């Protein structure tokens, strides 16, 4: 877009144009300061001053043409571009721009390197975390395996002990049953022996009574023969019926040696079962096998 200004107008218009030119110059100076980081070039200022001085002189000869598109795009000028009627880029501006670009590139490179380093550190930290987690998991697994193996071994030992105790318990139960049966047998045998002892005791008592009666009858008969005692015929018959001949009474044999006569009564079972010789060595009654605590020797008349 171009703006044409006619210099054939009045002085007021000339003054307005001059103000516009000065305003345009001020705008260009500000842009120049923007590209130069606030610094100014003295040579450029002299050139711009000469251009401003030539503008009123040339305005009388032909209309001035101003490119507004260049003013709009002045903030982003292309390299090696010439602004008509304004100024040229110098080597110093180009160097400053290159330095700014290099600083931006260097900063971008540093940022990219920093990001890559952060990503690398993050990846390494994640890998380290996974490695530690795997090692910890393996350690816990090995520890649990060792504990499980120890528990299994102890359980097997306890099972063996339980089996041994069960077998021993069964043996004891069987032994207890056997002992109970033996005790019952011995009790029955002892009862039978007690019955036999009672029978023998009654027989012994009868024998003792018979012996005592025989002795009395013999004494009476001898007294009768000597004339010391007179009895009737019936009394003689009764004495004869009561008399027992000691030679005809068979006395029991010793149950221990089975050779001599049994004349010793074993207490507390009261069995007439041993002789005086076996009484010295016998610890129990040979009939009922009851432990003896004493004995009494029976004297037969």
C-alpha atoms as a PDB file:
ATOM      1  CA  UNK A   1       0.000   0.000   0.000  1.00  0.00           C
ATOM      2  CA  UNK A   2       1.434   3.401  -1.023  1.00  0.00           C
ATOM      3  CA  UNK A   3       0.463   6.861   0.151  1.00  0.00           C
ATOM      4  CA  UNK A   4       0.988   9.808  -2.273  1.00  0.00           C
ATOM      5  CA  UNK A   5       1.350  13.291  -0.814  1.00  0.00           C
ATOM      6  CA  UNK A   6       1.018  16.413  -3.012  1.00  0.00           C
ATOM      7  CA  UNK A   7       3.435  19.193  -2.111  1.00  0.00           C
ATOM      8  CA  UNK A   8       1.521  21.878  -4.106  1.00  0.00           C
ATOM      9  CA  UNK A   9      -0.781  22.581  -1.148  1.00  0.00           C
ATOM     10  CA  UNK A  10      -0.587  25.247   1.465  1.00  0.00           C
ATOM     11  CA  UNK A  11       2.083  25.843   4.064  1.00  0.00           C
ATOM     12  CA  UNK A  12      -0.138  24.269   6.682  1.00  0.00           C
ATOM     13  CA  UNK A  13      -0.173  21.097   4.755  1.00  0.00           C
ATOM     14  CA  UNK A  14       3.621  21.325   4.436  1.00  0.00           C
ATOM     15  CA  UNK A  15       3.861  21.686   8.183  1.00  0.00           C
ATOM     16  CA  UNK A  16       1.589  18.667   8.727  1.00  0.00           C
ATOM     17  CA  UNK A  17       3.645  16.601   6.341  1.00  0.00           C
ATOM     18  CA  UNK A  18       6.807  17.633   8.121  1.00  0.00           C
ATOM     19  CA  UNK A  19       5.272  16.485  11.423  1.00  0.00           C
ATOM     20  CA  UNK A  20       4.253  13.238   9.822  1.00  0.00           C
ATOM     21  CA  UNK A  21       7.760  12.770   8.490  1.00  0.00           C
ATOM     22  CA  UNK A  22       9.191  13.469  11.887  1.00  0.00           C
ATOM     23  CA  UNK A  23       6.724  11.046  13.460  1.00  0.00           C
ATOM     24  CA  UNK A  24       7.720   8.429  10.917  1.00  0.00           C
ATOM     25  CA  UNK A  25      11.357   9.118  11.694  1.00  0.00           C
ATOM     26  CA  UNK A  26      10.678   8.728  15.379  1.00  0.00           C
ATOM     27  CA  UNK A  27       8.986   5.376  14.709  1.00  0.00           C
ATOM     28  CA  UNK A  28      11.949   4.197  12.715  1.00  0.00           C
ATOM     29  CA  UNK A  29      14.330   5.346  15.428  1.00  0.00           C
ATOM     30  CA  UNK A  30      12.391   3.340  18.026  1.00  0.00           C
ATOM     31  CA  UNK A  31      12.499   0.276  15.826  1.00  0.00           C
ATOM     32  CA  UNK A  32      16.208   0.782  15.344  1.00  0.00           C
ATOM     33  CA  UNK A  33      16.675   0.966  19.086  1.00  0.00           C
ATOM     34  CA  UNK A  34      14.655  -2.238  19.425  1.00  0.00           C
ATOM     35  CA  UNK A  35      16.973  -4.126  17.069  1.00  0.00           C
ATOM     36  CA  UNK A  36      20.093  -2.607  18.572  1.00  0.00           C
ATOM     37  CA  UNK A  37      19.094  -3.284  22.223  1.00  0.00           C
ATOM     38  CA  UNK A  38      18.719   0.450  22.991  1.00  0.00           C
ATOM     39  CA  UNK A  39      22.009   1.488  21.301  1.00  0.00           C
ATOM     40  CA  UNK A  40      22.194   3.965  18.426  1.00  0.00           C
ATOM     41  CA  UNK A  41      24.512   4.258  15.481  1.00  0.00           C
ATOM     42  CA  UNK A  42      25.896   7.783  14.945  1.00  0.00           C
ATOM     43  CA  UNK A  43      26.462   7.168  11.286  1.00  0.00           C
ATOM     44  CA  UNK A  44      22.882   6.077  10.807  1.00  0.00           C
ATOM     45  CA  UNK A  45      21.654   9.126  12.679  1.00  0.00           C
ATOM     46  CA  UNK A  46      23.651  11.411  10.384  1.00  0.00           C
ATOM     47  CA  UNK A  47      22.235   9.649   7.383  1.00  0.00           C
ATOM     48  CA  UNK A  48      18.704   9.948   8.720  1.00  0.00           C
ATOM     49  CA  UNK A  49      19.284  13.649   9.479  1.00  0.00           C
ATOM     50  CA  UNK A  50      20.447  14.222   5.929  1.00  0.00           C
ATOM     51  CA  UNK A  51      17.411  12.375   4.662  1.00  0.00           C
ATOM     52  CA  UNK A  52      15.130  14.554   6.804  1.00  0.00           C
ATOM     53  CA  UNK A  53      16.822  17.694   5.451  1.00  0.00           C
ATOM     54  CA  UNK A  54      16.434  16.545   1.881  1.00  0.00           C
ATOM     55  CA  UNK A  55      12.766  15.679   2.291  1.00  0.00           C
ATOM     56  CA  UNK A  56      11.466  19.341   2.309  1.00  0.00           C
ATOM     57  CA  UNK A  57      13.645  20.133  -0.673  1.00  0.00           C
ATOM     58  CA  UNK A  58      12.427  17.192  -2.689  1.00  0.00           C
ATOM     59  CA  UNK A  59       8.794  17.732  -1.692  1.00  0.00           C
ATOM     60  CA  UNK A  60       8.610  20.789  -3.866  1.00  0.00           C
ATOM     61  CA  UNK A  61       9.706  18.861  -6.944  1.00  0.00           C
ATOM     62  CA  UNK A  62       7.619  15.559  -6.772  1.00  0.00           C
ATOM     63  CA  UNK A  63       5.221  13.835  -4.434  1.00  0.00           C
ATOM     64  CA  UNK A  64       6.775  11.602  -1.712  1.00  0.00           C
ATOM     65  CA  UNK A  65       5.919   7.879  -1.789  1.00  0.00           C
ATOM     66  CA  UNK A  66       5.885   5.980   1.546  1.00  0.00           C
ATOM     67  CA  UNK A  67       5.629   2.194   1.676  1.00  0.00           C
ATOM     68  CA  UNK A  68       3.372   1.443   4.672  1.00  0.00           C
ATOM     69  CA  UNK A  69       3.822  -2.309   4.303  1.00  0.00           C
ATOM     70  CA  UNK A  70       7.502  -1.788   5.069  1.00  0.00           C
ATOM     71  CA  UNK A  71       6.555   0.128   8.184  1.00  0.00           C
ATOM     72  CA  UNK A  72       4.187  -2.707   9.225  1.00  0.00           C
ATOM     73  CA  UNK A  73       6.791  -5.407   8.673  1.00  0.00           C
ATOM     74  CA  UNK A  74       9.674  -3.420  10.132  1.00  0.00           C
ATOM     75  CA  UNK A  75       9.588  -5.374  13.383  1.00  0.00           C
ATOM     76  CA  UNK A  76      10.441  -8.585  11.432  1.00  0.00           C
ATOM     77  CA  UNK A  77      12.608  -7.408   8.511  1.00  0.00           C
ATOM     78  CA  UNK A  78      14.127 -10.019   6.211  1.00  0.00           C
ATOM     79  CA  UNK A  79      17.880 -10.256   5.893  1.00  0.00           C
ATOM     80  CA  UNK A  80      19.599  -7.898   3.434  1.00  0.00           C
ATOM     81  CA  UNK A  81      16.348  -5.930   2.836  1.00  0.00           C
ATOM     82  CA  UNK A  82      16.633  -2.253   1.816  1.00  0.00           C
ATOM     83  CA  UNK A  83      13.936   0.106   3.118  1.00  0.00           C
ATOM     84  CA  UNK A  84      13.393   2.767   0.472  1.00  0.00           C
ATOM     85  CA  UNK A  85      13.929   6.225   1.814  1.00  0.00           C
ATOM     86  CA  UNK A  86      14.622   4.969   5.383  1.00  0.00           C
ATOM     87  CA  UNK A  87      17.907   3.074   6.140  1.00  0.00           C
ATOM     88  CA  UNK A  88      19.990  -0.089   5.475  1.00  0.00           C
ATOM     89  CA  UNK A  89      20.935  -2.929   7.863  1.00  0.00           C
ATOM     90  CA  UNK A  90      24.537  -2.588   8.843  1.00  0.00           C
ATOM     91  CA  UNK A  91      27.040  -5.328   9.775  1.00  0.00           C
ATOM     92  CA  UNK A  92      26.799  -4.425  13.438  1.00  0.00           C
ATOM     93  CA  UNK A  93      23.022  -5.011  13.445  1.00  0.00           C
ATOM     94  CA  UNK A  94      23.551  -8.311  11.681  1.00  0.00           C
ATOM     95  CA  UNK A  95      26.203  -9.339  14.201  1.00  0.00           C
ATOM     96  CA  UNK A  96      23.951  -8.430  17.105  1.00  0.00           C
ATOM     97  CA  UNK A  97      21.084 -10.346  15.565  1.00  0.00           C
ATOM     98  CA  UNK A  98      23.351 -13.342  14.981  1.00  0.00           C
ATOM     99  CA  UNK A  99      24.569 -13.128  18.573  1.00  0.00           C
ATOM    100  CA  UNK A 100      20.966 -13.041  19.801  1.00  0.00           C
ATOM    101  CA  UNK A 101      20.094 -15.974  17.575  1.00  0.00           C
ATOM    102  CA  UNK A 102      23.153 -17.903  18.766  1.00  0.00           C
ATOM    103  CA  UNK A 103      22.208 -17.200  22.360  1.00  0.00           C
ATOM    104  CA  UNK A 104      18.663 -18.407  21.673  1.00  0.00           C
ATOM    105  CA  UNK A 105      19.971 -21.506  19.923  1.00  0.00           C
ATOM    106  CA  UNK A 106      22.417 -22.144  22.765  1.00  0.00           C
ATOM    107  CA  UNK A 107      19.676 -21.673  25.354  1.00  0.00           C
ATOM    108  CA  UNK A 108      17.372 -23.995  23.402  1.00  0.00           C
ATOM    109  CA  UNK A 109      20.192 -26.537  23.138  1.00  0.00           C
ATOM    110  CA  UNK A 110      20.843 -26.300  26.864  1.00  0.00           C
ATOM    111  CA  UNK A 111      17.143 -26.713  27.581  1.00  0.00           C
ATOM    112  CA  UNK A 112      16.955 -29.717  25.278  1.00  0.00           C
ATOM    113  CA  UNK A 113      20.049 -31.256  26.886  1.00  0.00           C
ATOM    114  CA  UNK A 114      18.578 -30.591  30.324  1.00  0.00           C
ATOM    115  CA  UNK A 115      15.315 -32.243  29.312  1.00  0.00           C
ATOM    116  CA  UNK A 116      17.177 -35.223  27.864  1.00  0.00           C
ATOM    117  CA  UNK A 117      19.252 -35.474  31.043  1.00  0.00           C
ATOM    118  CA  UNK A 118      16.099 -35.332  33.155  1.00  0.00           C
ATOM    119  CA  UNK A 119      14.503 -38.026  31.018  1.00  0.00           C
ATOM    120  CA  UNK A 120      17.647 -40.157  31.291  1.00  0.00           C
ATOM    121  CA  UNK A 121      17.789 -39.724  35.063  1.00  0.00           C
ATOM    122  CA  UNK A 122      14.093 -40.506  35.312  1.00  0.00           C
ATOM    123  CA  UNK A 123      14.552 -43.647  33.199  1.00  0.00           C
ATOM    124  CA  UNK A 124      17.560 -44.711  35.279  1.00  0.00           C
ATOM    125  CA  UNK A 125      15.640 -44.090  38.504  1.00  0.00           C
ATOM    126  CA  UNK A 126      12.701 -46.103  37.192  1.00  0.00           C
ATOM    127  CA  UNK A 127      14.990 -48.936  36.126  1.00  0.00           C
ATOM    128  CA  UNK A 128      16.741 -48.845  39.507  1.00  0.00           C
ATOM    129  CA  UNK A 129      13.383 -48.936  41.243  1.00  0.00           C
ATOM    130  CA  UNK A 130      12.301 -51.933  39.173  1.00  0.00           C
ATOM    131  CA  UNK A 131      15.605 -53.680  39.835  1.00  0.00           C
ATOM    132  CA  UNK A 132      15.342 -53.084  43.576  1.00  0.00           C
ATOM    133  CA  UNK A 133      11.736 -54.246  43.536  1.00  0.00           C
ATOM    134  CA  UNK A 134      12.718 -57.439  41.691  1.00  0.00           C
ATOM    135  CA  UNK A 135      15.615 -58.087  44.087  1.00  0.00           C
ATOM    136  CA  UNK A 136      13.377 -57.420  47.077  1.00  0.00           C
ATOM    137  CA  UNK A 137      10.758 -59.740  45.624  1.00  0.00           C
ATOM    138  CA  UNK A 138      13.357 -62.463  45.037  1.00  0.00           C
ATOM    139  CA  UNK A 139      14.720 -61.978  48.562  1.00  0.00           C
ATOM    140  CA  UNK A 140      11.253 -62.252  50.082  1.00  0.00           C
ATOM    141  CA  UNK A 141      10.537 -65.297  47.928  1.00  0.00           C
ATOM    142  CA  UNK A 142      13.759 -66.989  49.054  1.00  0.00           C
ATOM    143  CA  UNK A 143      13.014 -66.091  52.675  1.00  0.00           C
ATOM    144  CA  UNK A 144       9.494 -67.486  52.423  1.00  0.00           C
ATOM    145  CA  UNK A 145      10.869 -70.614  50.764  1.00  0.00           C
ATOM    146  CA  UNK A 146      13.356 -71.137  53.604  1.00  0.00           C
ATOM    147  CA  UNK A 147      10.665 -70.573  56.235  1.00  0.00           C
ATOM    148  CA  UNK A 148       8.293 -72.910  54.417  1.00  0.00           C
ATOM    149  CA  UNK A 149      10.988 -75.587  54.153  1.00  0.00           C
ATOM    150  CA  UNK A 150      11.766 -75.257  57.864  1.00  0.00           C
ATOM    151  CA  UNK A 151       8.077 -75.470  58.758  1.00  0.00           C
ATOM    152  CA  UNK A 152       7.586 -78.509  56.523  1.00  0.00           C
ATOM    153  CA  UNK A 153      10.571 -80.232  58.152  1.00  0.00           C
ATOM    154  CA  UNK A 154       9.257 -79.475  61.639  1.00  0.00           C
ATOM    155  CA  UNK A 155       5.778 -80.677  60.651  1.00  0.00           C
ATOM    156  CA  UNK A 156       7.243 -83.938  59.383  1.00  0.00           C
ATOM    157  CA  UNK A 157       9.174 -84.383  62.632  1.00  0.00           C
ATOM    158  CA  UNK A 158       6.006 -83.707  64.620  1.00  0.00           C
ATOM    159  CA  UNK A 159       4.085 -86.181  62.468  1.00  0.00           C
ATOM    160  CA  UNK A 160       6.742 -88.832  63.142  1.00  0.00           C
ATOM    161  CA  UNK A 161       6.538 -88.085  66.868  1.00  0.00           C
ATOM    162  CA  UNK A 162       2.741 -88.292  66.741  1.00  0.00           C
ATOM    163  CA  UNK A 163       2.913 -91.634  64.940  1.00  0.00           C
ATOM    164  CA  UNK A 164       5.417 -92.917  67.500  1.00  0.00           C
ATOM    165  CA  UNK A 165       3.253 -91.679  70.387  1.00  0.00           C
ATOM    166  CA  UNK A 166       0.148 -93.219  68.798  1.00  0.00           C
ATOM    167  CA  UNK A 167       1.900 -96.541  68.362  1.00  0.00           C
ATOM    168  CA  UNK A 168       3.145 -96.412  71.952  1.00  0.00           C
ATOM    169  CA  UNK A 169      -0.357 -95.537  73.141  1.00  0.00           C
ATOM    170  CA  UNK A 170      -1.804 -98.494  71.273  1.00  0.00           C
ATOM    171  CA  UNK A 171       0.845-100.744  72.795  1.00  0.00           C
ATOM    172  CA  UNK A 172       0.039 -99.434  76.259  1.00  0.00           C
ATOM    173  CA  UNK A 173      -3.685 -99.918  75.678  1.00  0.00           C
ATOM    174  CA  UNK A 174      -3.070-103.482  74.546  1.00  0.00           C
ATOM    175  CA  UNK A 175      -0.789-104.090  77.520  1.00  0.00           C
ATOM    176  CA  UNK A 176      -3.405-102.631  79.853  1.00  0.00           C
ATOM    177  CA  UNK A 177      -6.054-104.921  78.409  1.00  0.00           C
ATOM    178  CA  UNK A 178      -3.712-107.879  78.791  1.00  0.00           C
ATOM    179  CA  UNK A 179      -2.910-106.944  82.380  1.00  0.00           C
ATOM    180  CA  UNK A 180      -6.578-106.521  83.174  1.00  0.00           C
ATOM    181  CA  UNK A 181      -7.267-109.961  81.778  1.00  0.00           C
ATOM    182  CA  UNK A 182      -4.369-111.419  83.759  1.00  0.00           C
ATOM    183  CA  UNK A 183      -5.577-109.670  86.914  1.00  0.00           C
ATOM    184  CA  UNK A 184      -9.029-111.104  86.380  1.00  0.00           C
ATOM    185  CA  UNK A 185      -7.563-114.567  85.869  1.00  0.00           C
ATOM    186  CA  UNK A 186      -5.439-114.236  88.981  1.00  0.00           C
ATOM    187  CA  UNK A 187      -8.420-112.978  90.944  1.00  0.00           C
ATOM    188  CA  UNK A 188     -10.460-115.975  89.839  1.00  0.00           C
ATOM    189  CA  UNK A 189      -7.563-118.256  90.673  1.00  0.00           C
ATOM    190  CA  UNK A 190      -7.114-116.588  94.057  1.00  0.00           C
ATOM    191  CA  UNK A 191     -10.802-116.992  94.741  1.00  0.00           C
ATOM    192  CA  UNK A 192     -10.565-120.659  93.848  1.00  0.00           C
ATOM    193  CA  UNK A 193      -7.531-121.013  96.079  1.00  0.00           C
ATOM    194  CA  UNK A 194      -9.359-119.251  98.892  1.00  0.00           C
ATOM    195  CA  UNK A 195     -12.208-121.695  98.518  1.00  0.00           C
ATOM    196  CA  UNK A 196      -9.728-124.547  98.569  1.00  0.00           C
ATOM    197  CA  UNK A 197      -8.011-123.065 101.602  1.00  0.00           C
ATOM    198  CA  UNK A 198     -11.319-122.718 103.399  1.00  0.00           C
ATOM    199  CA  UNK A 199     -12.097-126.322 102.576  1.00  0.00           C
ATOM    200  CA  UNK A 200      -8.684-127.405 103.783  1.00  0.00           C
ATOM    201  CA  UNK A 201      -9.077-125.367 106.932  1.00  0.00           C
ATOM    202  CA  UNK A 202     -12.397-127.030 107.639  1.00  0.00           C
ATOM    203  CA  UNK A 203     -10.816-130.389 106.983  1.00  0.00           C
ATOM    204  CA  UNK A 204      -7.940-129.456 109.279  1.00  0.00           C
ATOM    205  CA  UNK A 205     -10.337-128.406 111.966  1.00  0.00           C
ATOM    206  CA  UNK A 206     -12.215-131.624 111.593  1.00  0.00           C
ATOM    207  CA  UNK A 207      -8.955-133.540 111.746  1.00  0.00           C
ATOM    208  CA  UNK A 208      -7.865-131.644 114.845  1.00  0.00           C
ATOM    209  CA  UNK A 209     -11.198-132.297 116.466  1.00  0.00           C
ATOM    210  CA  UNK A 210     -11.015-135.933 115.499  1.00  0.00           C
ATOM    211  CA  UNK A 211      -7.497-136.214 116.893  1.00  0.00           C
ATOM    212  CA  UNK A 212      -8.542-134.544 120.151  1.00  0.00           C
ATOM    213  CA  UNK A 213     -11.572-136.821 120.429  1.00  0.00           C
ATOM    214  CA  UNK A 214      -9.435-139.876 119.708  1.00  0.00           C
ATOM    215  CA  UNK A 215      -6.970-138.952 122.428  1.00  0.00           C
ATOM    216  CA  UNK A 216      -9.766-138.483 124.965  1.00  0.00           C
ATOM    217  CA  UNK A 217     -11.352-141.812 123.967  1.00  0.00           C
ATOM    218  CA  UNK A 218      -8.023-143.590 124.278  1.00  0.00           C
ATOM    219  CA  UNK A 219      -7.441-142.118 127.710  1.00  0.00           C
ATOM    220  CA  UNK A 220     -10.955-143.095 128.790  1.00  0.00           C
ATOM    221  CA  UNK A 221     -10.527-146.613 127.518  1.00  0.00           C
ATOM    222  CA  UNK A 222      -7.233-146.981 129.303  1.00  0.00           C
ATOM    223  CA  UNK A 223      -8.782-145.640 132.499  1.00  0.00           C
ATOM    224  CA  UNK A 224     -11.641-148.072 132.108  1.00  0.00           C
ATOM    225  CA  UNK A 225      -9.275-150.934 131.663  1.00  0.00           C
ATOM    226  CA  UNK A 226      -7.386-149.977 134.820  1.00  0.00           C
ATOM    227  CA  UNK A 227     -10.637-149.771 136.797  1.00  0.00           C
ATOM    228  CA  UNK A 228     -10.457-145.985 137.258  1.00  0.00           C
ATOM    229  CA  UNK A 229     -13.621-145.282 135.260  1.00  0.00           C
ATOM    230  CA  UNK A 230     -16.786-147.306 134.884  1.00  0.00           C
ATOM    231  CA  UNK A 231     -19.034-146.745 132.041  1.00  0.00           C
ATOM    232  CA  UNK A 232     -22.078-148.379 130.700  1.00  0.00           C
ATOM    233  CA  UNK A 233     -22.189-150.364 127.496  1.00  0.00           C
ATOM    234  CA  UNK A 234     -23.813-147.508 125.681  1.00  0.00           C
ATOM    235  CA  UNK A 235     -21.072-145.173 126.835  1.00  0.00           C
ATOM    236  CA  UNK A 236     -18.429-147.591 125.543  1.00  0.00           C
ATOM    237  CA  UNK A 237     -20.211-147.770 122.227  1.00  0.00           C
ATOM    238  CA  UNK A 238     -20.263-143.952 121.967  1.00  0.00           C
ATOM    239  CA  UNK A 239     -16.565-143.712 122.766  1.00  0.00           C
ATOM    240  CA  UNK A 240     -15.764-146.319 120.158  1.00  0.00           C
ATOM    241  CA  UNK A 241     -17.815-144.472 117.590  1.00  0.00           C
ATOM    242  CA  UNK A 242     -16.048-141.185 118.346  1.00  0.00           C
ATOM    243  CA  UNK A 243     -12.561-142.644 118.452  1.00  0.00           C
ATOM    244  CA  UNK A 244     -10.378-142.018 115.392  1.00  0.00           C
ATOM    245  CA  UNK A 245      -7.204-143.965 114.887  1.00  0.00           C
ATOM    246  CA  UNK A 246      -4.355-141.506 114.167  1.00  0.00           C
ATOM    247  CA  UNK A 247      -2.596-144.129 112.068  1.00  0.00           C
ATOM    248  CA  UNK A 248      -5.514-144.304 109.674  1.00  0.00           C
ATOM    249  CA  UNK A 249      -5.803-140.452 109.146  1.00  0.00           C
ATOM    250  CA  UNK A 250      -3.785-139.305 106.054  1.00  0.00           C
ATOM    251  CA  UNK A 251      -2.206-135.911 106.601  1.00  0.00           C
ATOM    252  CA  UNK A 252      -1.633-133.488 103.670  1.00  0.00           C
ATOM    253  CA  UNK A 253       1.784-133.278 102.035  1.00  0.00           C
ATOM    254  CA  UNK A 254       3.868-130.086 101.605  1.00  0.00           C
ATOM    255  CA  UNK A 255       2.827-128.250  98.443  1.00  0.00           C
ATOM    256  CA  UNK A 256       6.349-126.941  97.964  1.00  0.00           C
ATOM    257  CA  UNK A 257       8.588-130.009  98.254  1.00  0.00           C
ATOM    258  CA  UNK A 258       5.804-132.636  98.117  1.00  0.00           C
ATOM    259  CA  UNK A 259       7.891-134.915 100.345  1.00  0.00           C
ATOM    260  CA  UNK A 260       7.157-134.027 103.962  1.00  0.00           C
ATOM    261  CA  UNK A 261       3.898-133.435 105.724  1.00  0.00           C
ATOM    262  CA  UNK A 262       2.354-129.972 105.672  1.00  0.00           C
ATOM    263  CA  UNK A 263       2.247-128.755 109.254  1.00  0.00           C
ATOM    264  CA  UNK A 264       2.608-124.962 108.807  1.00  0.00           C
ATOM    265  CA  UNK A 265      -0.393-122.658 108.262  1.00  0.00           C
ATOM    266  CA  UNK A 266       0.506-119.645 106.059  1.00  0.00           C
ATOM    267  CA  UNK A 267      -1.002-116.294 107.040  1.00  0.00           C
ATOM    268  CA  UNK A 268      -2.991-114.301 105.980  1.00  0.00           C
ATOM    269  CA  UNK A 269      -4.420-116.857 103.541  1.00  0.00           C
ATOM    270  CA  UNK A 270      -4.489-119.556 106.318  1.00  0.00           C
ATOM    271  CA  UNK A 271      -3.553-122.426 104.009  1.00  0.00           C
ATOM    272  CA  UNK A 272      -1.976-125.546 105.512  1.00  0.00           C
ATOM    273  CA  UNK A 273       0.394-125.989 102.633  1.00  0.00           C
ATOM    274  CA  UNK A 274       4.073-126.134 103.657  1.00  0.00           C
ATOM    275  CA  UNK A 275       6.383-128.042 105.969  1.00  0.00           C
ATOM    276  CA  UNK A 276       8.709-126.506 108.564  1.00  0.00           C
ATOM    277  CA  UNK A 277      11.676-126.900 106.209  1.00  0.00           C
ATOM    278  CA  UNK A 278      10.017-124.982 103.374  1.00  0.00           C
ATOM    279  CA  UNK A 279       8.678-122.413 105.861  1.00  0.00           C
ATOM    280  CA  UNK A 280      12.176-120.972 106.164  1.00  0.00           C
ATOM    281  CA  UNK A 281      12.497-120.215 102.431  1.00  0.00           C
ATOM    282  CA  UNK A 282       8.930-119.765 101.179  1.00  0.00           C
ATOM    283  CA  UNK A 283       7.887-116.163 100.401  1.00  0.00           C
ATOM    284  CA  UNK A 284       4.313-116.884  99.359  1.00  0.00           C
ATOM    285  CA  UNK A 285       1.712-119.515  99.744  1.00  0.00           C
ATOM    286  CA  UNK A 286       2.235-122.238  97.096  1.00  0.00           C
ATOM    287  CA  UNK A 287      -1.527-122.706  96.745  1.00  0.00           C
ATOM    288  CA  UNK A 288      -2.785-119.130  96.138  1.00  0.00           C
ATOM    289  CA  UNK A 289       0.580-117.386  95.630  1.00  0.00           C
ATOM    290  CA  UNK A 290      -0.343-114.792  98.243  1.00  0.00           C
ATOM    291  CA  UNK A 291       2.594-113.072  99.885  1.00  0.00           C
ATOM    292  CA  UNK A 292       2.971-114.328 103.413  1.00  0.00           C
ATOM    293  CA  UNK A 293       3.545-112.126 106.430  1.00  0.00           C
ATOM    294  CA  UNK A 294       3.693-114.844 109.060  1.00  0.00           C
ATOM    295  CA  UNK A 295       3.018-118.508 109.656  1.00  0.00           C
ATOM    296  CA  UNK A 296       1.774-120.819 112.437  1.00  0.00           C
ATOM    297  CA  UNK A 297       2.926-124.392 112.891  1.00  0.00           C
ATOM    298  CA  UNK A 298       0.111-126.834 113.631  1.00  0.00           C
ATOM    299  CA  UNK A 299       0.812-129.613 116.139  1.00  0.00           C
ATOM    300  CA  UNK A 300      -1.089-132.838 115.533  1.00  0.00           C
ATOM    301  CA  UNK A 301      -1.689-135.197 118.446  1.00  0.00           C
END
